[in-house]
Amino acid sequence: MPVTVHLDDLLRERRMSLTELSEEVGVTIANLSILKTGKAKAVRFSTLEAICRALDCQPGDILAFAAEEEVEDGQ
């Protein structure tokens, strides 16, 4: 997947649990878990903003884009 989520890394750096983040941002643990595992199809800006406020970070600290490697011809 070209977009990766680094929520686990930020939580570890902040010494915060997913439960604590859930309570602070008002998003269920289940939905945060879907986001942190990269299984989310979308994220609301309001949710992203709340996470950034709680973790004192920028959206780019949570989400990263890495282009998929092109498959060479003949493979």
PDB file of N, CA and C in Angstrom:
ATOM      1  N   MET A   1       0.845  -1.178   0.000  1.00  0.00           N
ATOM      2  CA  MET A   1       0.000   0.000   0.000  1.00  0.00           C
ATOM      3  C   MET A   1       0.892   1.243   0.000  1.00  0.00           C
ATOM      4  N   PRO A   2       0.647   2.176  -0.894  1.00  0.00           N
ATOM      5  CA  PRO A   2       1.498   3.359  -0.996  1.00  0.00           C
ATOM      6  C   PRO A   2       1.397   4.317   0.198  1.00  0.00           C
ATOM      7  N   VAL A   3       0.243   4.402   0.873  1.00  0.00           N
ATOM      8  CA  VAL A   3       0.109   5.267   2.043  1.00  0.00           C
ATOM      9  C   VAL A   3       0.283   4.411   3.292  1.00  0.00           C
ATOM     10  N   THR A   4       1.235   4.808   4.123  1.00  0.00           N
ATOM     11  CA  THR A   4       1.477   4.063   5.350  1.00  0.00           C
ATOM     12  C   THR A   4       1.112   4.926   6.555  1.00  0.00           C
ATOM     13  N   VAL A   5       0.732   4.274   7.638  1.00  0.00           N
ATOM     14  CA  VAL A   5       0.299   4.956   8.854  1.00  0.00           C
ATOM     15  C   VAL A   5       1.324   4.677   9.954  1.00  0.00           C
ATOM     16  N   HIS A   6       1.785   5.734  10.598  1.00  0.00           N
ATOM     17  CA  HIS A   6       2.808   5.614  11.635  1.00  0.00           C
ATOM     18  C   HIS A   6       2.253   5.928  13.024  1.00  0.00           C
ATOM     19  N   LEU A   7       0.978   5.630  13.230  1.00  0.00           N
ATOM     20  CA  LEU A   7       0.327   5.930  14.503  1.00  0.00           C
ATOM     21  C   LEU A   7       0.960   5.155  15.656  1.00  0.00           C
ATOM     22  N   ASP A   8       1.300   3.897  15.437  1.00  0.00           N
ATOM     23  CA  ASP A   8       1.951   3.094  16.481  1.00  0.00           C
ATOM     24  C   ASP A   8       3.249   3.735  16.953  1.00  0.00           C
ATOM     25  N   ASP A   9       4.045   4.218  16.013  1.00  0.00           N
ATOM     26  CA  ASP A   9       5.317   4.847  16.357  1.00  0.00           C
ATOM     27  C   ASP A   9       5.103   6.090  17.219  1.00  0.00           C
ATOM     28  N   LEU A  10       4.134   6.910  16.829  1.00  0.00           N
ATOM     29  CA  LEU A  10       3.855   8.126  17.586  1.00  0.00           C
ATOM     30  C   LEU A  10       3.330   7.812  18.980  1.00  0.00           C
ATOM     31  N   LEU A  11       2.454   6.822  19.076  1.00  0.00           N
ATOM     32  CA  LEU A  11       1.940   6.433  20.391  1.00  0.00           C
ATOM     33  C   LEU A  11       3.070   5.944  21.289  1.00  0.00           C
ATOM     34  N   ARG A  12       3.961   5.162  20.734  1.00  0.00           N
ATOM     35  CA  ARG A  12       5.091   4.642  21.502  1.00  0.00           C
ATOM     36  C   ARG A  12       5.996   5.797  21.965  1.00  0.00           C
ATOM     37  N   GLU A  13       6.282   6.742  21.048  1.00  0.00           N
ATOM     38  CA  GLU A  13       7.123   7.891  21.394  1.00  0.00           C
ATOM     39  C   GLU A  13       6.488   8.743  22.489  1.00  0.00           C
ATOM     40  N   ARG A  14       5.154   8.865  22.451  1.00  0.00           N
ATOM     41  CA  ARG A  14       4.432   9.701  23.428  1.00  0.00           C
ATOM     42  C   ARG A  14       4.065   8.925  24.695  1.00  0.00           C
ATOM     43  N   ARG A  15       4.394   7.625  24.684  1.00  0.00           N
ATOM     44  CA  ARG A  15       4.031   6.747  25.802  1.00  0.00           C
ATOM     45  C   ARG A  15       2.539   6.844  26.118  1.00  0.00           C
ATOM     46  N   MET A  16       1.752   6.719  25.056  1.00  0.00           N
ATOM     47  CA  MET A  16       0.307   6.808  25.160  1.00  0.00           C
ATOM     48  C   MET A  16      -0.302   5.520  24.604  1.00  0.00           C
ATOM     49  N   SER A  17      -1.340   5.043  25.254  1.00  0.00           N
ATOM     50  CA  SER A  17      -2.012   3.840  24.768  1.00  0.00           C
ATOM     51  C   SER A  17      -3.093   4.222  23.766  1.00  0.00           C
ATOM     52  N   LEU A  18      -3.534   3.247  23.009  1.00  0.00           N
ATOM     53  CA  LEU A  18      -4.615   3.463  22.064  1.00  0.00           C
ATOM     54  C   LEU A  18      -5.888   3.845  22.815  1.00  0.00           C
ATOM     55  N   THR A  19      -6.080   3.278  23.994  1.00  0.00           N
ATOM     56  CA  THR A  19      -7.242   3.598  24.822  1.00  0.00           C
ATOM     57  C   THR A  19      -7.214   5.066  25.248  1.00  0.00           C
ATOM     58  N   GLU A  20      -6.050   5.544  25.664  1.00  0.00           N
ATOM     59  CA  GLU A  20      -5.924   6.950  26.064  1.00  0.00           C
ATOM     60  C   GLU A  20      -6.193   7.881  24.886  1.00  0.00           C
ATOM     61  N   LEU A  21      -5.652   7.535  23.729  1.00  0.00           N
ATOM     62  CA  LEU A  21      -5.884   8.345  22.528  1.00  0.00           C
ATOM     63  C   LEU A  21      -7.358   8.352  22.177  1.00  0.00           C
ATOM     64  N   SER A  22      -7.991   7.191  22.254  1.00  0.00           N
ATOM     65  CA  SER A  22      -9.416   7.063  21.955  1.00  0.00           C
ATOM     66  C   SER A  22     -10.248   7.991  22.839  1.00  0.00           C
ATOM     67  N   GLU A  23      -9.953   7.993  24.115  1.00  0.00           N
ATOM     68  CA  GLU A  23     -10.690   8.842  25.051  1.00  0.00           C
ATOM     69  C   GLU A  23     -10.459  10.319  24.769  1.00  0.00           C
ATOM     70  N   GLU A  24      -9.236  10.671  24.417  1.00  0.00           N
ATOM     71  CA  GLU A  24      -8.909  12.072  24.188  1.00  0.00           C
ATOM     72  C   GLU A  24      -9.512  12.619  22.895  1.00  0.00           C
ATOM     73  N   VAL A  25      -9.557  11.800  21.848  1.00  0.00           N
ATOM     74  CA  VAL A  25     -10.043  12.303  20.552  1.00  0.00           C
ATOM     75  C   VAL A  25     -11.513  11.980  20.289  1.00  0.00           C
ATOM     76  N   GLY A  26     -12.101  11.100  21.096  1.00  0.00           N
ATOM     77  CA  GLY A  26     -13.514  10.773  20.902  1.00  0.00           C
ATOM     78  C   GLY A  26     -13.774   9.851  19.727  1.00  0.00           C
ATOM     79  N   VAL A  27     -12.833   8.977  19.443  1.00  0.00           N
ATOM     80  CA  VAL A  27     -12.970   7.989  18.371  1.00  0.00           C
ATOM     81  C   VAL A  27     -12.830   6.619  19.023  1.00  0.00           C
ATOM     82  N   THR A  28     -13.619   5.668  18.574  1.00  0.00           N
ATOM     83  CA  THR A  28     -13.580   4.349  19.190  1.00  0.00           C
ATOM     84  C   THR A  28     -12.219   3.684  19.000  1.00  0.00           C
ATOM     85  N   ILE A  29     -11.900   2.801  19.930  1.00  0.00           N
ATOM     86  CA  ILE A  29     -10.657   2.041  19.831  1.00  0.00           C
ATOM     87  C   ILE A  29     -10.656   1.221  18.546  1.00  0.00           C
ATOM     88  N   ALA A  30     -11.804   0.666  18.199  1.00  0.00           N
ATOM     89  CA  ALA A  30     -11.904  -0.142  16.979  1.00  0.00           C
ATOM     90  C   ALA A  30     -11.546   0.676  15.745  1.00  0.00           C
ATOM     91  N   ASN A  31     -12.058   1.902  15.653  1.00  0.00           N
ATOM     92  CA  ASN A  31     -11.763   2.739  14.488  1.00  0.00           C
ATOM     93  C   ASN A  31     -10.301   3.182  14.469  1.00  0.00           C
ATOM     94  N   LEU A  32      -9.745   3.488  15.628  1.00  0.00           N
ATOM     95  CA  LEU A  32      -8.323   3.843  15.677  1.00  0.00           C
ATOM     96  C   LEU A  32      -7.452   2.648  15.306  1.00  0.00           C
ATOM     97  N   SER A  33      -7.872   1.469  15.720  1.00  0.00           N
ATOM     98  CA  SER A  33      -7.130   0.254  15.388  1.00  0.00           C
ATOM     99  C   SER A  33      -7.127   0.018  13.881  1.00  0.00           C
ATOM    100  N   ILE A  34      -8.261   0.230  13.247  1.00  0.00           N
ATOM    101  CA  ILE A  34      -8.356   0.092  11.787  1.00  0.00           C
ATOM    102  C   ILE A  34      -7.414   1.088  11.113  1.00  0.00           C
ATOM    103  N   LEU A  35      -7.370   2.301  11.632  1.00  0.00           N
ATOM    104  CA  LEU A  35      -6.475   3.314  11.067  1.00  0.00           C
ATOM    105  C   LEU A  35      -5.015   2.931  11.270  1.00  0.00           C
ATOM    106  N   LYS A  36      -4.640   2.535  12.483  1.00  0.00           N
ATOM    107  CA  LYS A  36      -3.222   2.273  12.765  1.00  0.00           C
ATOM    108  C   LYS A  36      -2.689   1.038  12.049  1.00  0.00           C
ATOM    109  N   THR A  37      -3.574   0.098  11.697  1.00  0.00           N
ATOM    110  CA  THR A  37      -3.120  -1.082  10.960  1.00  0.00           C
ATOM    111  C   THR A  37      -3.101  -0.861   9.450  1.00  0.00           C
ATOM    112  N   GLY A  38      -3.517   0.325   9.019  1.00  0.00           N
ATOM    113  CA  GLY A  38      -3.497   0.638   7.597  1.00  0.00           C
ATOM    114  C   GLY A  38      -4.667   0.068   6.823  1.00  0.00           C
ATOM    115  N   LYS A  39      -5.696  -0.381   7.523  1.00  0.00           N
ATOM    116  CA  LYS A  39      -6.851  -0.978   6.857  1.00  0.00           C
ATOM    117  C   LYS A  39      -7.952   0.027   6.554  1.00  0.00           C
ATOM    118  N   ALA A  40      -7.806   1.260   7.022  1.00  0.00           N
ATOM    119  CA  ALA A  40      -8.816   2.289   6.788  1.00  0.00           C
ATOM    120  C   ALA A  40      -8.809   2.702   5.316  1.00  0.00           C
ATOM    121  N   LYS A  41      -9.990   2.904   4.766  1.00  0.00           N
ATOM    122  CA  LYS A  41     -10.121   3.362   3.380  1.00  0.00           C
ATOM    123  C   LYS A  41     -10.120   4.885   3.311  1.00  0.00           C
ATOM    124  N   ALA A  42     -10.431   5.532   4.442  1.00  0.00           N
ATOM    125  CA  ALA A  42     -10.502   6.994   4.488  1.00  0.00           C
ATOM    126  C   ALA A  42     -10.357   7.434   5.936  1.00  0.00           C
ATOM    127  N   VAL A  43     -10.039   8.714   6.104  1.00  0.00           N
ATOM    128  CA  VAL A  43      -9.992   9.300   7.442  1.00  0.00           C
ATOM    129  C   VAL A  43     -10.553  10.721   7.330  1.00  0.00           C
ATOM    130  N   ARG A  44     -11.422  11.079   8.244  1.00  0.00           N
ATOM    131  CA  ARG A  44     -11.991  12.429   8.239  1.00  0.00           C
ATOM    132  C   ARG A  44     -10.933  13.418   8.698  1.00  0.00           C
ATOM    133  N   PHE A  45     -10.979  14.601   8.113  1.00  0.00           N
ATOM    134  CA  PHE A  45     -10.041  15.645   8.533  1.00  0.00           C
ATOM    135  C   PHE A  45     -10.235  15.985   9.999  1.00  0.00           C
ATOM    136  N   SER A  46     -11.475  15.962  10.481  1.00  0.00           N
ATOM    137  CA  SER A  46     -11.722  16.272  11.893  1.00  0.00           C
ATOM    138  C   SER A  46     -11.057  15.230  12.800  1.00  0.00           C
ATOM    139  N   THR A  47     -11.057  13.969  12.375  1.00  0.00           N
ATOM    140  CA  THR A  47     -10.386  12.917  13.143  1.00  0.00           C
ATOM    141  C   THR A  47      -8.879  13.113  13.097  1.00  0.00           C
ATOM    142  N   LEU A  48      -8.353  13.392  11.927  1.00  0.00           N
ATOM    143  CA  LEU A  48      -6.919  13.634  11.776  1.00  0.00           C
ATOM    144  C   LEU A  48      -6.489  14.838  12.614  1.00  0.00           C
ATOM    145  N   GLU A  49      -7.296  15.879  12.606  1.00  0.00           N
ATOM    146  CA  GLU A  49      -6.994  17.073  13.402  1.00  0.00           C
ATOM    147  C   GLU A  49      -6.977  16.742  14.895  1.00  0.00           C
ATOM    148  N   ALA A  50      -7.956  15.978  15.361  1.00  0.00           N
ATOM    149  CA  ALA A  50      -8.025  15.609  16.773  1.00  0.00           C
ATOM    150  C   ALA A  50      -6.825  14.759  17.184  1.00  0.00           C
ATOM    151  N   ILE A  51      -6.413  13.838  16.317  1.00  0.00           N
ATOM    152  CA  ILE A  51      -5.243  12.997  16.608  1.00  0.00           C
ATOM    153  C   ILE A  51      -3.986  13.864  16.669  1.00  0.00           C
ATOM    154  N   CYS A  52      -3.864  14.793  15.722  1.00  0.00           N
ATOM    155  CA  CYS A  52      -2.696  15.681  15.708  1.00  0.00           C
ATOM    156  C   CYS A  52      -2.646  16.546  16.967  1.00  0.00           C
ATOM    157  N   ARG A  53      -3.786  17.020  17.420  1.00  0.00           N
ATOM    158  CA  ARG A  53      -3.829  17.812  18.660  1.00  0.00           C
ATOM    159  C   ARG A  53      -3.401  16.961  19.853  1.00  0.00           C
ATOM    160  N   ALA A  54      -3.940  15.751  19.930  1.00  0.00           N
ATOM    161  CA  ALA A  54      -3.657  14.870  21.069  1.00  0.00           C
ATOM    162  C   ALA A  54      -2.193  14.442  21.103  1.00  0.00           C
ATOM    163  N   LEU A  55      -1.590  14.233  19.941  1.00  0.00           N
ATOM    164  CA  LEU A  55      -0.210  13.752  19.869  1.00  0.00           C
ATOM    165  C   LEU A  55       0.799  14.869  19.613  1.00  0.00           C
ATOM    166  N   ASP A  56       0.293  16.107  19.485  1.00  0.00           N
ATOM    167  CA  ASP A  56       1.152  17.260  19.217  1.00  0.00           C
ATOM    168  C   ASP A  56       2.056  16.976  18.022  1.00  0.00           C
ATOM    169  N   CYS A  57       1.416  16.700  16.874  1.00  0.00           N
ATOM    170  CA  CYS A  57       2.163  16.363  15.666  1.00  0.00           C
ATOM    171  C   CYS A  57       1.480  16.951  14.446  1.00  0.00           C
ATOM    172  N   GLN A  58       2.066  16.722  13.300  1.00  0.00           N
ATOM    173  CA  GLN A  58       1.520  17.145  12.016  1.00  0.00           C
ATOM    174  C   GLN A  58       0.966  15.926  11.289  1.00  0.00           C
ATOM    175  N   PRO A  59       0.012  16.125  10.352  1.00  0.00           N
ATOM    176  CA  PRO A  59      -0.522  14.986   9.586  1.00  0.00           C
ATOM    177  C   PRO A  59       0.569  14.160   8.913  1.00  0.00           C
ATOM    178  N   GLY A  60       1.621  14.807   8.465  1.00  0.00           N
ATOM    179  CA  GLY A  60       2.728  14.095   7.820  1.00  0.00           C
ATOM    180  C   GLY A  60       3.507  13.200   8.770  1.00  0.00           C
ATOM    181  N   ASP A  61       3.348  13.421  10.069  1.00  0.00           N
ATOM    182  CA  ASP A  61       3.977  12.538  11.045  1.00  0.00           C
ATOM    183  C   ASP A  61       3.205  11.235  11.174  1.00  0.00           C
ATOM    184  N   ILE A  62       1.922  11.274  10.824  1.00  0.00           N
ATOM    185  CA  ILE A  62       1.044  10.105  10.935  1.00  0.00           C
ATOM    186  C   ILE A  62       0.979   9.334   9.630  1.00  0.00           C
ATOM    187  N   LEU A  63       0.855  10.059   8.521  1.00  0.00           N
ATOM    188  CA  LEU A  63       0.685   9.441   7.205  1.00  0.00           C
ATOM    189  C   LEU A  63       1.894   9.715   6.320  1.00  0.00           C
ATOM    190  N   ALA A  64       2.292   8.716   5.547  1.00  0.00           N
ATOM    191  CA  ALA A  64       3.395   8.878   4.600  1.00  0.00           C
ATOM    192  C   ALA A  64       3.025   8.209   3.285  1.00  0.00           C
ATOM    193  N   PHE A  65       3.507   8.765   2.197  1.00  0.00           N
ATOM    194  CA  PHE A  65       3.275   8.198   0.870  1.00  0.00           C
ATOM    195  C   PHE A  65       4.582   7.690   0.306  1.00  0.00           C
ATOM    196  N   ALA A  66       4.560   6.452  -0.152  1.00  0.00           N
ATOM    197  CA  ALA A  66       5.726   5.863  -0.814  1.00  0.00           C
ATOM    198  C   ALA A  66       5.236   5.204  -2.095  1.00  0.00           C
ATOM    199  N   ALA A  67       5.702   5.690  -3.220  1.00  0.00           N
ATOM    200  CA  ALA A  67       5.280   5.141  -4.508  1.00  0.00           C
ATOM    201  C   ALA A  67       5.675   3.674  -4.608  1.00  0.00           C
ATOM    202  N   GLU A  68       4.773   2.875  -5.155  1.00  0.00           N
ATOM    203  CA  GLU A  68       5.070   1.459  -5.342  1.00  0.00           C
ATOM    204  C   GLU A  68       6.121   1.307  -6.428  1.00  0.00           C
ATOM    205  N   GLU A  69       7.006   0.346  -6.235  1.00  0.00           N
ATOM    206  CA  GLU A  69       8.034   0.097  -7.234  1.00  0.00           C
ATOM    207  C   GLU A  69       7.379  -0.453  -8.487  1.00  0.00           C
ATOM    208  N   GLU A  70       7.838   0.054  -9.617  1.00  0.00           N
ATOM    209  CA  GLU A  70       7.303  -0.433 -10.887  1.00  0.00           C
ATOM    210  C   GLU A  70       7.874  -1.808 -11.180  1.00  0.00           C
ATOM    211  N   VAL A  71       7.034  -2.677 -11.671  1.00  0.00           N
ATOM    212  CA  VAL A  71       7.473  -4.018 -12.026  1.00  0.00           C
ATOM    213  C   VAL A  71       8.175  -3.959 -13.368  1.00  0.00           C
ATOM    214  N   GLU A  72       9.368  -4.526 -13.410  1.00  0.00           N
ATOM    215  CA  GLU A  72      10.118  -4.518 -14.661  1.00  0.00           C
ATOM    216  C   GLU A  72       9.458  -5.424 -15.676  1.00  0.00           C
ATOM    217  N   ASP A  73       9.562  -5.055 -16.960  1.00  0.00           N
ATOM    218  CA  ASP A  73       9.032  -5.899 -18.037  1.00  0.00           C
ATOM    219  C   ASP A  73       9.728  -7.237 -18.050  1.00  0.00           C
ATOM    220  N   GLY A  74       8.963  -8.284 -18.278  1.00  0.00           N
ATOM    221  CA  GLY A  74       9.527  -9.615 -18.377  1.00  0.00           C
ATOM    222  C   GLY A  74       9.550 -10.388 -17.081  1.00  0.00           C
ATOM    223  N   GLN A  75       9.055  -9.826 -16.005  1.00  0.00           N
ATOM    224  CA  GLN A  75       9.033 -10.562 -14.734  1.00  0.00           C
ATOM    225  C   GLN A  75       7.671 -11.113 -14.467  1.00  0.00           C
TER     226      GLN A  75
END
